[in-house]
Amino acid sequence: MGISTFEGVVKNGQIRLRDNVTLPENAQVVVVVSDFEPAPQAHVRTPHLRHREQTADFAKQVVEAVDDAEL
């Protein structure tokens, strides 16, 4: 398998190769992006209890709503 290197740019979400390079349909390619810093990923932390007995502090009471309740 031979390897060729081509330069290009991304326009409207599509890679445009310079020098009018045309690749055959279904050609396998590897994209290496220079000078790119990905956006930082958001991490959602799940709270962890230090002591199991603290679970009672988070107890919920489920109340069923009545359709015709008077206000």
Protein backbone atom coordinates (compact mmCIF):
# COMPACT_ATOMS: atom_id res chain seq x y z
CA MET A 1 0.00 0.00 0.00
CA GLY A 2 1.47 3.34 -1.03
CA ILE A 3 0.93 6.60 0.84
CA SER A 4 0.48 10.00 -0.79
CA THR A 5 0.18 13.33 1.02
CA PHE A 6 -2.13 16.13 -0.13
CA GLU A 7 -2.92 19.48 1.45
CA GLY A 8 -6.40 20.87 1.68
CA VAL A 9 -8.82 23.00 3.66
CA VAL A 10 -12.23 22.49 5.23
CA LYS A 11 -15.02 24.59 3.70
CA ASN A 12 -18.66 24.24 4.72
CA GLY A 13 -17.79 21.06 6.62
CA GLN A 14 -16.18 19.34 3.63
CA ILE A 15 -12.50 18.68 2.97
CA ARG A 16 -11.34 20.37 -0.23
CA LEU A 17 -8.00 19.15 -1.54
CA ARG A 18 -5.71 21.68 -3.20
CA ASP A 19 -4.16 21.24 -6.65
CA ASN A 20 -7.39 19.76 -8.10
CA VAL A 21 -6.63 16.30 -6.71
CA THR A 22 -9.34 13.76 -7.50
CA LEU A 23 -9.43 10.56 -5.47
CA PRO A 24 -11.16 7.39 -6.63
CA GLU A 25 -14.57 6.56 -5.12
CA ASN A 26 -14.31 4.63 -1.81
CA ALA A 27 -10.61 5.47 -1.44
CA GLN A 28 -9.37 4.95 2.11
CA VAL A 29 -7.95 8.12 3.58
CA VAL A 30 -6.35 9.23 6.84
CA VAL A 31 -6.91 12.84 7.92
CA VAL A 32 -4.23 14.58 10.00
CA VAL A 33 -5.27 18.02 11.24
CA SER A 34 -2.56 20.58 11.99
CA ASP A 35 -2.90 23.56 14.35
CA PHE A 36 -6.13 22.32 15.90
CA GLU A 37 -7.19 22.38 19.53
CA PRO A 38 -10.41 20.52 20.25
CA ALA A 39 -13.00 22.24 22.43
CA PRO A 40 -12.77 21.17 26.06
CA GLN A 41 -15.11 18.34 26.99
CA ALA A 42 -17.71 18.96 29.67
CA HIS A 43 -17.59 16.47 32.52
CA VAL A 44 -20.70 15.96 34.59
CA ARG A 45 -19.67 14.68 37.96
CA THR A 46 -21.98 12.36 39.87
CA PRO A 47 -22.09 13.09 43.58
CA HIS A 48 -20.88 10.28 45.80
CA LEU A 49 -21.80 9.97 49.43
CA ARG A 50 -18.97 9.61 51.88
CA HIS A 51 -21.10 7.61 54.34
CA ARG A 52 -23.96 5.27 53.44
CA GLU A 53 -26.09 6.61 56.29
CA GLN A 54 -26.33 9.90 54.39
CA THR A 55 -28.74 8.30 51.90
CA ALA A 56 -31.64 9.15 54.25
CA ASP A 57 -30.89 12.85 53.66
CA PHE A 58 -31.90 12.36 50.01
CA ALA A 59 -35.16 10.45 50.58
CA LYS A 60 -38.07 11.68 48.46
CA GLN A 61 -41.77 11.47 49.09
CA VAL A 62 -43.88 10.65 46.06
CA VAL A 63 -47.29 12.34 46.05
CA GLU A 64 -49.86 11.35 43.45
CA ALA A 65 -51.61 14.30 41.87
CA VAL A 66 -55.42 14.29 41.77
CA ASP A 67 -56.95 15.56 38.50
CA ASP A 68 -59.77 17.53 40.11
CA ALA A 69 -58.01 18.78 43.21
CA GLU A 70 -59.43 22.05 44.55
CA LEU A 71 -57.04 24.90 45.04
